C-alpha atoms as a PDB file:
ATOM      1  CA  MET A   1      66.525 108.570 193.418  1.00  0.00           C
ATOM      2  CA  ASP A   2      70.183 108.226 192.421  1.00  0.00           C
ATOM      3  CA  ASN A   3      72.636 108.376 195.340  1.00  0.00           C
ATOM      4  CA  ILE A   4      75.470 110.705 194.327  1.00  0.00           C
ATOM      5  CA  ALA A   5      77.590 109.706 197.340  1.00  0.00           C
ATOM      6  CA  ALA A   6      77.785 106.141 196.041  1.00  0.00           C
ATOM      7  CA  ARG A   7      79.197 107.417 192.735  1.00  0.00           C
ATOM      8  CA  LEU A   8      81.935 109.578 194.284  1.00  0.00           C
ATOM      9  CA  PRO A   9      85.317 107.982 195.032  1.00  0.00           C
ATOM     10  CA  ALA A  10      85.645 107.558 198.808  1.00  0.00           C
ATOM     11  CA  SER A  11      89.365 108.267 198.530  1.00  0.00           C
ATOM     12  CA  LEU A  12      88.611 111.839 197.372  1.00  0.00           C
ATOM     13  CA  PHE A  13      85.389 112.751 199.205  1.00  0.00           C
ATOM     14  CA  GLN A  14      84.193 112.585 202.814  1.00  0.00           C
ATOM     15  CA  ARG A  15      80.603 112.759 204.022  1.00  0.00           C
ATOM     16  CA  ILE A  16      80.584 114.956 207.124  1.00  0.00           C
ATOM     17  CA  HIS A  17      76.837 115.397 207.560  1.00  0.00           C
ATOM     18  CA  ARG A  18      73.753 113.783 206.086  1.00  0.00           C
ATOM     19  CA  SER A  19      73.489 116.762 203.729  1.00  0.00           C
ATOM     20  CA  THR A  20      77.188 117.597 203.221  1.00  0.00           C
ATOM     21  CA  ILE A  21      80.010 115.921 201.303  1.00  0.00           C
ATOM     22  CA  VAL A  22      83.437 117.593 201.183  1.00  0.00           C
ATOM     23  CA  ARG A  23      86.538 116.984 199.088  1.00  0.00           C
ATOM     24  CA  ARG A  24      89.140 115.533 201.449  1.00  0.00           C
ATOM     25  CA  ASP A  25      91.901 117.826 200.158  1.00  0.00           C
ATOM     26  CA  MET A  26      89.771 120.855 201.119  1.00  0.00           C
ATOM     27  CA  ILE A  27      89.718 119.939 204.814  1.00  0.00           C
ATOM     28  CA  ASP A  28      92.293 122.085 206.636  1.00  0.00           C
ATOM     29  CA  GLY A  29      91.371 120.860 210.080  1.00  0.00           C
ATOM     30  CA  LEU A  30      88.734 120.148 212.678  1.00  0.00           C
ATOM     31  CA  ARG A  31      87.411 122.526 215.293  1.00  0.00           C
ATOM     32  CA  HIS A  32      85.653 121.621 218.526  1.00  0.00           C
ATOM     33  CA  GLU A  33      82.910 124.160 219.065  1.00  0.00           C
ATOM     34  CA  GLY A  34      81.814 122.923 222.479  1.00  0.00           C
ATOM     35  CA  GLY A  35      78.891 120.840 223.615  1.00  0.00           C
ATOM     36  CA  GLY A  36      79.942 117.880 221.494  1.00  0.00           C
ATOM     37  CA  VAL A  37      79.751 119.942 218.291  1.00  0.00           C
ATOM     38  CA  TRP A  38      82.628 119.602 215.807  1.00  0.00           C
ATOM     39  CA  ALA A  39      83.219 121.339 212.487  1.00  0.00           C
ATOM     40  CA  VAL A  40      85.469 120.951 209.472  1.00  0.00           C
ATOM     41  CA  VAL A  41      87.571 124.019 208.639  1.00  0.00           C
ATOM     42  CA  LEU A  42      88.042 124.804 204.945  1.00  0.00           C
ATOM     43  CA  PRO A  43      90.966 126.804 203.458  1.00  0.00           C
ATOM     44  CA  SER A  44      88.719 129.878 203.210  1.00  0.00           C
ATOM     45  CA  GLY A  45      88.077 129.755 206.956  1.00  0.00           C
ATOM     46  CA  THR A  46      84.528 128.558 206.443  1.00  0.00           C
ATOM     47  CA  THR A  47      83.385 125.950 208.939  1.00  0.00           C
ATOM     48  CA  LEU A  48      80.937 123.158 208.193  1.00  0.00           C
ATOM     49  CA  ARG A  49      79.301 121.260 211.011  1.00  0.00           C
ATOM     50  CA  ILE A  50      80.048 117.559 211.308  1.00  0.00           C
ATOM     51  CA  GLY A  51      77.041 115.365 212.060  1.00  0.00           C
ATOM     52  CA  ARG A  52      77.477 113.341 215.250  1.00  0.00           C
ATOM     53  CA  SER A  53      77.036 110.041 213.427  1.00  0.00           C
ATOM     54  CA  PHE A  54      79.879 110.972 211.040  1.00  0.00           C
ATOM     55  CA  LEU A  55      82.382 112.347 213.583  1.00  0.00           C
ATOM     56  CA  ASP A  56      84.307 109.114 214.200  1.00  0.00           C
ATOM     57  CA  LYS A  57      84.813 108.521 210.455  1.00  0.00           C
ATOM     58  CA  VAL A  58      85.901 112.105 209.858  1.00  0.00           C
ATOM     59  CA  ARG A  59      88.375 112.035 212.753  1.00  0.00           C
ATOM     60  CA  ALA A  60      89.811 108.738 211.518  1.00  0.00           C
ATOM     61  CA  SER A  61      90.452 110.149 208.032  1.00  0.00           C
END
């Protein structure tokens, strides 16, 4: 199976969960939801959960 993440430019996209890739310019901020759970906040107010194994990379971006 073709891996779409490998074809996307890392400078424009960020994997935040094993099933979620987000355009970097669409990330308005991060929200701590308690219990070690973090989410990305989009301009619409929608939140998308960040997978624990991806948190350090997302926070560093």
